[in-house]
Amino acid sequence: MSKLLHYPDYLGDALKMFFDNPTLQQRGAYYTLRIALLQNDGYLDDDDTLYFKCMCFSEEDKQMLKQMISKCLSKKNGKYYSDEVISLIDRQKSIRDKRAEAGKKGGTKSRRNKQKGKQSESESESEIEIESEPNKNLYTPEFEFFWNEYGKVGTKKTAAKAYRAAKKKTDDATLLGKLSEYKRYLGERDWLDQCHASTWLNEERWNNEYHPAEQNQTPSQIFEQLKREGKI
C-alpha cells in the first residue's frame, strides 16, 4: 500500500456514519483502525496480531478498539473489513496504475513537444502526471490524515517534508495527541493564530505543554500565564 499516490481519508466525514459526537478516544481508536486496514489491504485477521497491528497494548485501548470494530467493521472468513476502505484502496490503485501507464506512453512525447512549444491538451495532462510522481512518497496516508486534522494550514508539500522528518523523532500517536491539545489550546485563546503545519513540526512543538486556560482569568492574567509558559 505504500506505493499509492494519495489516500484521501477524511475522518470527520467517516465517523458521522457511526457517531454523532465521537469522543477523542473514539476518534483515536478509529484512526488507528483505519490505518491498520489501509496497511493490510483492507482486511484484519481476527487473531493475536490484531492488537499489535492497531498499536493497542493497554486493556483500555483494547476495549475501545473492540467497541470500534463491533460498531464500524464487518466480518467474513475470520477477517474484519470495511467496504468503504476497500473501495478507497481500489480507487487509489486504479489512479496509480493509470498515472504509471500515462507516464510510459506519453512521457517522452510530452517532454519533446514541450521543448517545441506544441503540447496538445492530452499531452499536457501526461506531463502534469509525470511531474507529480516525486511527491507520491511524501503524501502518505498518515500524513494526509494529519494534514486534514491540522486544518491544511500552510503549504502542503512543505508540511509533508516536515512530517517525514518529524516521524524520525516521534510517532503518529504523539503527533496527533499533541495536535489535539494544541487545537484546544488555540480554541481557549482565540486571539492566537495557528502556525503553519510545517512550523509546528519543524520546531518540534509536539514537545510543548499546552495547559488549559484557567476559568475567569482576566486578559492580564492570561498574558502572565503565557509568559510563564514561554509562549510569548
C-alpha atoms as a PDB file:
ATOM      1  CA  MET A   1       0.000   0.000   0.000  1.00  0.00           C
ATOM      2  CA  SER A   2       2.951   2.370   0.395  1.00  0.00           C
ATOM      3  CA  LYS A   3       3.049   2.737  -3.395  1.00  0.00           C
ATOM      4  CA  LEU A   4      -0.294   4.509  -3.582  1.00  0.00           C
ATOM      5  CA  LEU A   5      -0.054   8.137  -4.646  1.00  0.00           C
ATOM      6  CA  HIS A   6      -2.687   9.563  -2.338  1.00  0.00           C
ATOM      7  CA  TYR A   7      -5.244   8.381   0.196  1.00  0.00           C
ATOM      8  CA  PRO A   8      -7.993  10.995   0.774  1.00  0.00           C
ATOM      9  CA  ASP A   9      -9.421   9.699   4.049  1.00  0.00           C
ATOM     10  CA  TYR A  10     -11.464  12.310   5.942  1.00  0.00           C
ATOM     11  CA  LEU A  11     -12.053  11.009   9.441  1.00  0.00           C
ATOM     12  CA  GLY A  12     -14.725  13.524  10.382  1.00  0.00           C
ATOM     13  CA  ASP A  13     -16.968  12.525   7.487  1.00  0.00           C
ATOM     14  CA  ALA A  14     -16.376   8.802   8.051  1.00  0.00           C
ATOM     15  CA  LEU A  15     -17.176   8.967  11.760  1.00  0.00           C
ATOM     16  CA  LYS A  16     -20.530  10.633  11.099  1.00  0.00           C
ATOM     17  CA  MET A  17     -21.760   7.306   9.777  1.00  0.00           C
ATOM     18  CA  PHE A  18     -21.356   5.764  13.245  1.00  0.00           C
ATOM     19  CA  PHE A  19     -21.277   8.510  15.909  1.00  0.00           C
ATOM     20  CA  ASP A  20     -23.000  11.876  16.291  1.00  0.00           C
ATOM     21  CA  ASN A  21     -20.430  13.308  18.710  1.00  0.00           C
ATOM     22  CA  PRO A  22     -17.382  10.994  18.914  1.00  0.00           C
ATOM     23  CA  THR A  23     -15.051  11.391  21.874  1.00  0.00           C
ATOM     24  CA  LEU A  24     -11.324  11.995  21.500  1.00  0.00           C
ATOM     25  CA  GLN A  25     -10.678   8.365  22.485  1.00  0.00           C
ATOM     26  CA  GLN A  26     -13.109   7.112  19.840  1.00  0.00           C
ATOM     27  CA  ARG A  27     -11.508   9.302  17.190  1.00  0.00           C
ATOM     28  CA  GLY A  28      -8.051   7.980  18.089  1.00  0.00           C
ATOM     29  CA  ALA A  29      -9.181   4.349  18.057  1.00  0.00           C
ATOM     30  CA  TYR A  30     -10.965   4.803  14.744  1.00  0.00           C
ATOM     31  CA  TYR A  31      -7.904   6.434  13.219  1.00  0.00           C
ATOM     32  CA  THR A  32      -5.570   3.607  14.223  1.00  0.00           C
ATOM     33  CA  LEU A  33      -8.117   1.061  12.997  1.00  0.00           C
ATOM     34  CA  ARG A  34      -8.394   2.637   9.545  1.00  0.00           C
ATOM     35  CA  ILE A  35      -4.628   3.000   9.218  1.00  0.00           C
ATOM     36  CA  ALA A  36      -4.232  -0.683  10.097  1.00  0.00           C
ATOM     37  CA  LEU A  37      -6.825  -1.580   7.452  1.00  0.00           C
ATOM     38  CA  LEU A  38      -5.020   0.552   4.895  1.00  0.00           C
ATOM     39  CA  GLN A  39      -1.674  -1.072   5.646  1.00  0.00           C
ATOM     40  CA  ASN A  40      -3.175  -4.542   5.276  1.00  0.00           C
ATOM     41  CA  ASP A  41      -5.127  -4.094   2.024  1.00  0.00           C
ATOM     42  CA  GLY A  42      -8.415  -3.504   3.816  1.00  0.00           C
ATOM     43  CA  TYR A  43      -8.514  -6.689   5.932  1.00  0.00           C
ATOM     44  CA  LEU A  44      -7.504  -7.518   9.509  1.00  0.00           C
ATOM     45  CA  ASP A  45      -7.258 -11.070  10.851  1.00  0.00           C
ATOM     46  CA  ASP A  46      -9.237 -11.862  13.983  1.00  0.00           C
ATOM     47  CA  ASP A  47      -6.230 -13.289  15.841  1.00  0.00           C
ATOM     48  CA  ASP A  48      -3.466 -12.303  18.249  1.00  0.00           C
ATOM     49  CA  THR A  49      -1.895  -9.936  15.707  1.00  0.00           C
ATOM     50  CA  LEU A  50      -4.930  -7.644  15.650  1.00  0.00           C
ATOM     51  CA  TYR A  51      -3.957  -5.507  18.653  1.00  0.00           C
ATOM     52  CA  PHE A  52      -0.344  -5.297  17.520  1.00  0.00           C
ATOM     53  CA  LYS A  53      -1.360  -4.068  14.053  1.00  0.00           C
ATOM     54  CA  CYS A  54      -3.604  -1.449  15.672  1.00  0.00           C
ATOM     55  CA  MET A  55      -0.941  -0.414  18.225  1.00  0.00           C
ATOM     56  CA  CYS A  56      -3.208  -1.293  21.165  1.00  0.00           C
ATOM     57  CA  PHE A  57      -1.341  -2.608  24.200  1.00  0.00           C
ATOM     58  CA  SER A  58      -3.249  -1.473  27.294  1.00  0.00           C
ATOM     59  CA  GLU A  59      -6.530  -3.057  28.330  1.00  0.00           C
ATOM     60  CA  GLU A  60      -8.275   0.308  27.987  1.00  0.00           C
ATOM     61  CA  ASP A  61      -7.076   0.667  24.394  1.00  0.00           C
ATOM     62  CA  LYS A  62      -8.093  -2.901  23.587  1.00  0.00           C
ATOM     63  CA  GLN A  63     -11.609  -2.384  24.938  1.00  0.00           C
ATOM     64  CA  MET A  64     -12.002   0.819  22.926  1.00  0.00           C
ATOM     65  CA  LEU A  65     -10.767  -0.964  19.801  1.00  0.00           C
ATOM     66  CA  LYS A  66     -13.276  -3.779  20.325  1.00  0.00           C
ATOM     67  CA  GLN A  67     -16.035  -1.173  20.540  1.00  0.00           C
ATOM     68  CA  MET A  68     -14.956   0.457  17.274  1.00  0.00           C
ATOM     69  CA  ILE A  69     -14.645  -2.903  15.496  1.00  0.00           C
ATOM     70  CA  SER A  70     -18.126  -4.023  16.518  1.00  0.00           C
ATOM     71  CA  LYS A  71     -19.571  -0.649  15.527  1.00  0.00           C
ATOM     72  CA  CYS A  72     -17.723   0.095  12.310  1.00  0.00           C
ATOM     73  CA  LEU A  73     -16.476  -3.114  10.662  1.00  0.00           C
ATOM     74  CA  SER A  74     -17.916  -6.231   9.083  1.00  0.00           C
ATOM     75  CA  LYS A  75     -16.501  -9.741   9.387  1.00  0.00           C
ATOM     76  CA  LYS A  76     -16.117 -12.545   6.850  1.00  0.00           C
ATOM     77  CA  ASN A  77     -13.958 -15.695   6.831  1.00  0.00           C
ATOM     78  CA  GLY A  78     -12.236 -14.703  10.061  1.00  0.00           C
ATOM     79  CA  LYS A  79     -11.273 -11.238   8.799  1.00  0.00           C
ATOM     80  CA  TYR A  80     -12.564  -7.789   9.684  1.00  0.00           C
ATOM     81  CA  TYR A  81     -13.061  -5.362   6.822  1.00  0.00           C
ATOM     82  CA  SER A  82     -14.690  -2.097   5.754  1.00  0.00           C
ATOM     83  CA  ASP A  83     -16.345  -1.805   2.340  1.00  0.00           C
ATOM     84  CA  GLU A  84     -15.596   1.918   2.350  1.00  0.00           C
ATOM     85  CA  VAL A  85     -11.872   1.436   2.973  1.00  0.00           C
ATOM     86  CA  ILE A  86     -11.617  -1.322   0.365  1.00  0.00           C
ATOM     87  CA  SER A  87     -13.361   0.935  -2.157  1.00  0.00           C
ATOM     88  CA  LEU A  88     -10.882   3.746  -1.422  1.00  0.00           C
ATOM     89  CA  ILE A  89      -7.936   1.382  -1.785  1.00  0.00           C
ATOM     90  CA  ASP A  90      -9.203   0.054  -5.124  1.00  0.00           C
ATOM     91  CA  ARG A  91      -9.808   3.559  -6.434  1.00  0.00           C
ATOM     92  CA  GLN A  92      -6.327   4.739  -5.486  1.00  0.00           C
ATOM     93  CA  LYS A  93      -4.738   1.653  -7.016  1.00  0.00           C
ATOM     94  CA  SER A  94      -6.564   2.468 -10.240  1.00  0.00           C
ATOM     95  CA  ILE A  95      -5.288   6.068 -10.133  1.00  0.00           C
ATOM     96  CA  ARG A  96      -1.752   4.842  -9.521  1.00  0.00           C
ATOM     97  CA  ASP A  97      -1.908   2.413 -12.429  1.00  0.00           C
ATOM     98  CA  LYS A  98      -3.375   5.000 -14.821  1.00  0.00           C
ATOM     99  CA  ARG A  99      -0.683   7.518 -13.927  1.00  0.00           C
ATOM    100  CA  ALA A 100       2.062   4.957 -14.374  1.00  0.00           C
ATOM    101  CA  GLU A 101       0.640   3.995 -17.778  1.00  0.00           C
ATOM    102  CA  ALA A 102       0.345   7.644 -18.806  1.00  0.00           C
ATOM    103  CA  GLY A 103       3.971   8.170 -17.865  1.00  0.00           C
ATOM    104  CA  LYS A 104       5.103   5.257 -20.007  1.00  0.00           C
ATOM    105  CA  LYS A 105       3.046   6.164 -23.087  1.00  0.00           C
ATOM    106  CA  GLY A 106       3.065   9.920 -23.044  1.00  0.00           C
ATOM    107  CA  GLY A 107       6.153  10.898 -21.107  1.00  0.00           C
ATOM    108  CA  THR A 108       8.712  11.025 -23.897  1.00  0.00           C
ATOM    109  CA  LYS A 109       6.358  12.602 -26.410  1.00  0.00           C
ATOM    110  CA  SER A 110       5.112  15.120 -23.873  1.00  0.00           C
ATOM    111  CA  ARG A 111       8.597  16.353 -23.000  1.00  0.00           C
ATOM    112  CA  ARG A 112       9.562  16.583 -26.675  1.00  0.00           C
ATOM    113  CA  ASN A 113       6.502  18.681 -27.548  1.00  0.00           C
ATOM    114  CA  LYS A 114       7.079  20.897 -24.546  1.00  0.00           C
ATOM    115  CA  GLN A 115      10.506  21.783 -25.858  1.00  0.00           C
ATOM    116  CA  LYS A 116       8.952  22.641 -29.218  1.00  0.00           C
ATOM    117  CA  GLY A 117       6.125  24.602 -27.592  1.00  0.00           C
ATOM    118  CA  LYS A 118       3.485  22.418 -29.298  1.00  0.00           C
ATOM    119  CA  GLN A 119       1.867  20.454 -26.495  1.00  0.00           C
ATOM    120  CA  SER A 120      -1.677  19.272 -27.007  1.00  0.00           C
ATOM    121  CA  GLU A 121      -4.121  19.233 -24.114  1.00  0.00           C
ATOM    122  CA  SER A 122      -3.804  15.469 -23.605  1.00  0.00           C
ATOM    123  CA  GLU A 123      -0.029  15.653 -23.633  1.00  0.00           C
ATOM    124  CA  SER A 124      -0.082  18.457 -21.082  1.00  0.00           C
ATOM    125  CA  GLU A 125      -2.082  16.236 -18.753  1.00  0.00           C
ATOM    126  CA  SER A 126       0.526  13.491 -19.117  1.00  0.00           C
ATOM    127  CA  GLU A 127       3.277  15.937 -18.228  1.00  0.00           C
ATOM    128  CA  ILE A 128       1.409  17.021 -15.116  1.00  0.00           C
ATOM    129  CA  GLU A 129       1.115  13.412 -14.017  1.00  0.00           C
ATOM    130  CA  ILE A 130       4.847  12.863 -14.529  1.00  0.00           C
ATOM    131  CA  GLU A 131       5.739  15.931 -12.515  1.00  0.00           C
ATOM    132  CA  SER A 132       3.565  14.737  -9.653  1.00  0.00           C
ATOM    133  CA  GLU A 133       5.427  11.429  -9.294  1.00  0.00           C
ATOM    134  CA  PRO A 134       8.184  12.710  -6.925  1.00  0.00           C
ATOM    135  CA  ASN A 135       5.510  13.691  -4.399  1.00  0.00           C
ATOM    136  CA  LYS A 136       3.889  10.263  -4.173  1.00  0.00           C
ATOM    137  CA  ASN A 137       6.077   9.105  -1.282  1.00  0.00           C
ATOM    138  CA  LEU A 138       5.519  12.349   0.627  1.00  0.00           C
ATOM    139  CA  TYR A 139       1.735  12.178   0.744  1.00  0.00           C
ATOM    140  CA  THR A 140       1.385   9.037   2.824  1.00  0.00           C
ATOM    141  CA  PRO A 141      -1.959   8.032   4.379  1.00  0.00           C
ATOM    142  CA  GLU A 142      -0.663   9.049   7.804  1.00  0.00           C
ATOM    143  CA  PHE A 143       0.353  12.498   6.536  1.00  0.00           C
ATOM    144  CA  GLU A 144      -2.953  13.003   4.710  1.00  0.00           C
ATOM    145  CA  PHE A 145      -4.810  12.345   7.951  1.00  0.00           C
ATOM    146  CA  PHE A 146      -2.535  14.704   9.930  1.00  0.00           C
ATOM    147  CA  TRP A 147      -2.847  17.383   7.223  1.00  0.00           C
ATOM    148  CA  ASN A 148      -6.657  17.280   7.357  1.00  0.00           C
ATOM    149  CA  GLU A 149      -6.745  17.252  11.161  1.00  0.00           C
ATOM    150  CA  TYR A 150      -4.366  20.227  11.267  1.00  0.00           C
ATOM    151  CA  GLY A 151      -6.716  22.205   9.045  1.00  0.00           C
ATOM    152  CA  LYS A 152      -4.468  22.385   5.970  1.00  0.00           C
ATOM    153  CA  VAL A 153      -2.694  25.487   7.283  1.00  0.00           C
ATOM    154  CA  GLY A 154       0.396  26.312   5.247  1.00  0.00           C
ATOM    155  CA  THR A 155       1.945  24.708   2.178  1.00  0.00           C
ATOM    156  CA  LYS A 156       1.153  21.023   1.795  1.00  0.00           C
ATOM    157  CA  LYS A 157       4.442  19.931   0.235  1.00  0.00           C
ATOM    158  CA  THR A 158       6.497  21.772   2.866  1.00  0.00           C
ATOM    159  CA  ALA A 159       4.349  20.278   5.611  1.00  0.00           C
ATOM    160  CA  ALA A 160       4.764  16.789   4.141  1.00  0.00           C
ATOM    161  CA  LYS A 161       8.553  17.096   4.204  1.00  0.00           C
ATOM    162  CA  ALA A 162       8.454  18.352   7.792  1.00  0.00           C
ATOM    163  CA  TYR A 163       6.128  15.497   8.736  1.00  0.00           C
ATOM    164  CA  ARG A 164       8.505  12.940   7.245  1.00  0.00           C
ATOM    165  CA  ALA A 165      11.375  14.420   9.283  1.00  0.00           C
ATOM    166  CA  ALA A 166       9.258  14.507  12.445  1.00  0.00           C
ATOM    167  CA  LYS A 167       8.389  10.816  12.096  1.00  0.00           C
ATOM    168  CA  LYS A 168      12.095  10.044  12.597  1.00  0.00           C
ATOM    169  CA  LYS A 169      11.869  11.612  16.053  1.00  0.00           C
ATOM    170  CA  THR A 170       8.401  10.646  17.273  1.00  0.00           C
ATOM    171  CA  ASP A 171       5.320   8.628  16.289  1.00  0.00           C
ATOM    172  CA  ASP A 172       1.830   9.280  14.892  1.00  0.00           C
ATOM    173  CA  ALA A 173       0.080   8.838  18.224  1.00  0.00           C
ATOM    174  CA  THR A 174       2.229  11.537  19.855  1.00  0.00           C
ATOM    175  CA  LEU A 175       1.780  13.960  16.955  1.00  0.00           C
ATOM    176  CA  LEU A 176      -1.988  13.540  16.848  1.00  0.00           C
ATOM    177  CA  GLY A 177      -2.382  13.660  20.613  1.00  0.00           C
ATOM    178  CA  LYS A 178      -0.360  16.861  20.902  1.00  0.00           C
ATOM    179  CA  LEU A 179      -2.140  18.344  17.886  1.00  0.00           C
ATOM    180  CA  SER A 180      -5.441  17.810  19.681  1.00  0.00           C
ATOM    181  CA  GLU A 181      -4.065  19.611  22.745  1.00  0.00           C
ATOM    182  CA  TYR A 182      -2.735  22.424  20.550  1.00  0.00           C
ATOM    183  CA  LYS A 183      -6.112  22.944  18.856  1.00  0.00           C
ATOM    184  CA  ARG A 184      -7.872  23.007  22.227  1.00  0.00           C
ATOM    185  CA  TYR A 185      -5.240  25.471  23.446  1.00  0.00           C
ATOM    186  CA  LEU A 186      -5.923  27.786  20.495  1.00  0.00           C
ATOM    187  CA  GLY A 187      -9.668  27.450  20.968  1.00  0.00           C
ATOM    188  CA  GLU A 188      -9.340  28.820  24.505  1.00  0.00           C
ATOM    189  CA  ARG A 189      -7.224  31.732  23.243  1.00  0.00           C
ATOM    190  CA  ASP A 190      -8.967  32.987  20.125  1.00  0.00           C
ATOM    191  CA  TRP A 191      -6.546  35.897  19.713  1.00  0.00           C
ATOM    192  CA  LEU A 192      -3.711  33.489  18.859  1.00  0.00           C
ATOM    193  CA  ASP A 193      -3.163  32.473  15.243  1.00  0.00           C
ATOM    194  CA  GLN A 194      -2.483  28.878  14.294  1.00  0.00           C
ATOM    195  CA  CYS A 195       1.017  28.478  12.879  1.00  0.00           C
ATOM    196  CA  HIS A 196       1.742  26.661   9.625  1.00  0.00           C
ATOM    197  CA  ALA A 197       1.853  22.895   9.918  1.00  0.00           C
ATOM    198  CA  SER A 198       5.492  22.860   8.788  1.00  0.00           C
ATOM    199  CA  THR A 199       6.414  25.348  11.536  1.00  0.00           C
ATOM    200  CA  TRP A 200       4.665  23.273  14.195  1.00  0.00           C
ATOM    201  CA  LEU A 201       6.522  20.174  13.039  1.00  0.00           C
ATOM    202  CA  ASN A 202       9.952  21.678  12.346  1.00  0.00           C
ATOM    203  CA  GLU A 203      10.049  23.381  15.744  1.00  0.00           C
ATOM    204  CA  GLU A 204       9.024  20.108  17.426  1.00  0.00           C
ATOM    205  CA  ARG A 205       6.074  21.756  19.102  1.00  0.00           C
ATOM    206  CA  TRP A 206       4.658  18.353  19.921  1.00  0.00           C
ATOM    207  CA  ASN A 207       7.029  18.579  22.916  1.00  0.00           C
ATOM    208  CA  ASN A 208       5.287  21.711  24.215  1.00  0.00           C
ATOM    209  CA  GLU A 209       2.942  21.679  27.187  1.00  0.00           C
ATOM    210  CA  TYR A 210      -0.460  23.111  26.258  1.00  0.00           C
ATOM    211  CA  HIS A 211      -2.018  23.965  29.602  1.00  0.00           C
ATOM    212  CA  PRO A 212      -5.755  24.681  29.647  1.00  0.00           C
ATOM    213  CA  ALA A 213      -6.763  28.250  30.383  1.00  0.00           C
ATOM    214  CA  GLU A 214      -7.980  28.809  33.927  1.00  0.00           C
ATOM    215  CA  GLN A 215     -11.599  29.852  34.215  1.00  0.00           C
ATOM    216  CA  ASN A 216     -12.446  33.514  34.784  1.00  0.00           C
ATOM    217  CA  GLN A 217      -8.924  34.711  34.015  1.00  0.00           C
ATOM    218  CA  THR A 218      -8.520  38.350  33.126  1.00  0.00           C
ATOM    219  CA  PRO A 219      -6.568  39.269  29.972  1.00  0.00           C
ATOM    220  CA  SER A 220      -3.593  40.362  32.089  1.00  0.00           C
ATOM    221  CA  GLN A 221      -3.613  37.073  33.998  1.00  0.00           C
ATOM    222  CA  ILE A 222      -3.705  35.126  30.728  1.00  0.00           C
ATOM    223  CA  PHE A 223      -0.813  37.233  29.427  1.00  0.00           C
ATOM    224  CA  GLU A 224       1.248  36.440  32.520  1.00  0.00           C
ATOM    225  CA  GLN A 225       0.408  32.731  32.185  1.00  0.00           C
ATOM    226  CA  LEU A 226       1.603  32.733  28.582  1.00  0.00           C
ATOM    227  CA  LYS A 227       4.856  34.403  29.654  1.00  0.00           C
ATOM    228  CA  ARG A 228       5.399  31.759  32.326  1.00  0.00           C
ATOM    229  CA  GLU A 229       4.805  29.033  29.748  1.00  0.00           C
ATOM    230  CA  GLY A 230       7.301  30.628  27.385  1.00  0.00           C
ATOM    231  CA  LYS A 231       4.687  31.089  24.654  1.00  0.00           C
ATOM    232  CA  ILE A 232       5.353  34.849  24.279  1.00  0.00           C
END
